[in-house]
């Protein structure tokens, strides 16, 4: 049985400092979607490592896909997306 996702829709996360520049290391974002490895189709998502891939949205409205290992949960009163 596959482990549950570490994050769900609406969770605030911080992108790891180890992430590539296009993932905006160190920035706060909000989870707006995720997929398990078994749900992935197409070449783009096939390039990600094993585990969950999350679609995260930044405060400016832009979004990216990031593997779970490059995200960490943060404890904030309000989501970073709601601050704009």
C-alpha atoms as a PDB file:
ATOM      1  CA  UNK A   1       0.000   0.000   0.000  1.00  0.00           C
ATOM      2  CA  UNK A   2       1.271   3.441  -0.921  1.00  0.00           C
ATOM      3  CA  UNK A   3       1.969   5.938   1.866  1.00  0.00           C
ATOM      4  CA  UNK A   4      -0.421   8.884   2.102  1.00  0.00           C
ATOM      5  CA  UNK A   5       0.751  12.247   0.748  1.00  0.00           C
ATOM      6  CA  UNK A   6       2.706  14.454   3.137  1.00  0.00           C
ATOM      7  CA  UNK A   7       0.650  17.474   2.040  1.00  0.00           C
ATOM      8  CA  UNK A   8      -2.905  18.005   0.859  1.00  0.00           C
ATOM      9  CA  UNK A   9      -4.735  20.756  -0.975  1.00  0.00           C
ATOM     10  CA  UNK A  10      -4.347  24.099   0.773  1.00  0.00           C
ATOM     11  CA  UNK A  11      -1.309  23.191   2.871  1.00  0.00           C
ATOM     12  CA  UNK A  12       1.353  25.902   3.069  1.00  0.00           C
ATOM     13  CA  UNK A  13       4.837  24.721   2.082  1.00  0.00           C
ATOM     14  CA  UNK A  14       8.323  26.132   1.682  1.00  0.00           C
ATOM     15  CA  UNK A  15      10.483  25.160  -1.283  1.00  0.00           C
ATOM     16  CA  UNK A  16      13.842  23.665  -0.265  1.00  0.00           C
ATOM     17  CA  UNK A  17      16.983  25.720  -0.761  1.00  0.00           C
ATOM     18  CA  UNK A  18      18.281  22.707  -2.729  1.00  0.00           C
ATOM     19  CA  UNK A  19      15.596  23.123  -5.424  1.00  0.00           C
ATOM     20  CA  UNK A  20      16.377  24.378  -8.922  1.00  0.00           C
ATOM     21  CA  UNK A  21      15.933  28.117  -9.469  1.00  0.00           C
ATOM     22  CA  UNK A  22      12.708  27.709 -11.476  1.00  0.00           C
ATOM     23  CA  UNK A  23      11.101  26.160  -8.358  1.00  0.00           C
ATOM     24  CA  UNK A  24      11.903  29.343  -6.380  1.00  0.00           C
ATOM     25  CA  UNK A  25      13.966  27.978  -3.474  1.00  0.00           C
ATOM     26  CA  UNK A  26      13.137  29.385  -0.049  1.00  0.00           C
ATOM     27  CA  UNK A  27       9.761  30.767  -1.096  1.00  0.00           C
ATOM     28  CA  UNK A  28       6.402  29.988   0.475  1.00  0.00           C
ATOM     29  CA  UNK A  29       3.615  28.482  -1.607  1.00  0.00           C
ATOM     30  CA  UNK A  30       0.350  26.610  -1.224  1.00  0.00           C
ATOM     31  CA  UNK A  31      -0.456  23.098  -2.436  1.00  0.00           C
ATOM     32  CA  UNK A  32      -3.144  23.265  -5.124  1.00  0.00           C
ATOM     33  CA  UNK A  33      -2.849  19.679  -6.384  1.00  0.00           C
ATOM     34  CA  UNK A  34      -0.839  16.478  -6.212  1.00  0.00           C
ATOM     35  CA  UNK A  35      -0.468  13.167  -7.967  1.00  0.00           C
ATOM     36  CA  UNK A  36       0.873   9.804  -6.964  1.00  0.00           C
ATOM     37  CA  UNK A  37       3.289   7.948  -9.193  1.00  0.00           C
ATOM     38  CA  UNK A  38       0.543   5.541 -10.263  1.00  0.00           C
ATOM     39  CA  UNK A  39      -1.571   8.479 -11.528  1.00  0.00           C
ATOM     40  CA  UNK A  40       1.087  10.024 -13.759  1.00  0.00           C
ATOM     41  CA  UNK A  41       0.865   9.936 -17.495  1.00  0.00           C
ATOM     42  CA  UNK A  42       2.810  11.685 -20.210  1.00  0.00           C
ATOM     43  CA  UNK A  43       6.484  12.447 -20.559  1.00  0.00           C
ATOM     44  CA  UNK A  44       6.546  15.536 -18.331  1.00  0.00           C
ATOM     45  CA  UNK A  45       5.410  13.881 -15.083  1.00  0.00           C
ATOM     46  CA  UNK A  46       7.361  10.716 -15.883  1.00  0.00           C
ATOM     47  CA  UNK A  47      10.567  12.734 -15.386  1.00  0.00           C
ATOM     48  CA  UNK A  48       9.902  13.228 -11.661  1.00  0.00           C
ATOM     49  CA  UNK A  49      11.376  10.907  -8.997  1.00  0.00           C
ATOM     50  CA  UNK A  50       9.272   8.276  -7.229  1.00  0.00           C
ATOM     51  CA  UNK A  51       6.702   9.554  -4.786  1.00  0.00           C
ATOM     52  CA  UNK A  52       4.167  12.356  -4.898  1.00  0.00           C
ATOM     53  CA  UNK A  53       4.461  15.370  -7.169  1.00  0.00           C
ATOM     54  CA  UNK A  54       2.747  18.537  -5.983  1.00  0.00           C
ATOM     55  CA  UNK A  55       1.433  21.507  -7.899  1.00  0.00           C
ATOM     56  CA  UNK A  56       2.205  24.530  -5.748  1.00  0.00           C
ATOM     57  CA  UNK A  57       1.048  28.098  -6.232  1.00  0.00           C
ATOM     58  CA  UNK A  58       2.989  31.165  -5.150  1.00  0.00           C
ATOM     59  CA  UNK A  59       1.559  34.443  -3.872  1.00  0.00           C
ATOM     60  CA  UNK A  60       1.865  36.012  -7.333  1.00  0.00           C
ATOM     61  CA  UNK A  61      -0.427  33.336  -8.815  1.00  0.00           C
ATOM     62  CA  UNK A  62       2.250  31.404 -10.689  1.00  0.00           C
ATOM     63  CA  UNK A  63       2.536  27.657 -10.151  1.00  0.00           C
ATOM     64  CA  UNK A  64       5.038  24.829 -10.623  1.00  0.00           C
ATOM     65  CA  UNK A  65       5.234  21.088 -10.037  1.00  0.00           C
ATOM     66  CA  UNK A  66       7.699  19.902  -7.403  1.00  0.00           C
ATOM     67  CA  UNK A  67       8.571  16.504  -5.921  1.00  0.00           C
ATOM     68  CA  UNK A  68       7.727  15.937  -2.262  1.00  0.00           C
ATOM     69  CA  UNK A  69      11.386  15.769  -1.205  1.00  0.00           C
ATOM     70  CA  UNK A  70      11.856  19.443  -2.173  1.00  0.00           C
ATOM     71  CA  UNK A  71       8.994  20.729  -0.003  1.00  0.00           C
ATOM     72  CA  UNK A  72       8.586  21.167   3.710  1.00  0.00           C
ATOM     73  CA  UNK A  73       5.485  22.013   5.666  1.00  0.00           C
ATOM     74  CA  UNK A  74       5.302  25.360   7.420  1.00  0.00           C
ATOM     75  CA  UNK A  75       3.120  26.511  10.274  1.00  0.00           C
ATOM     76  CA  UNK A  76       1.587  29.824   9.252  1.00  0.00           C
ATOM     77  CA  UNK A  77      -1.562  31.586  10.386  1.00  0.00           C
ATOM     78  CA  UNK A  78      -2.605  32.413   6.834  1.00  0.00           C
ATOM     79  CA  UNK A  79      -1.655  30.810   3.535  1.00  0.00           C
ATOM     80  CA  UNK A  80       0.912  32.739   1.473  1.00  0.00           C
ATOM     81  CA  UNK A  81      -1.515  32.875  -1.455  1.00  0.00           C
ATOM     82  CA  UNK A  82      -4.171  34.625   0.660  1.00  0.00           C
ATOM     83  CA  UNK A  83      -1.763  37.433   1.497  1.00  0.00           C
ATOM     84  CA  UNK A  84      -1.998  39.088  -1.904  1.00  0.00           C
END
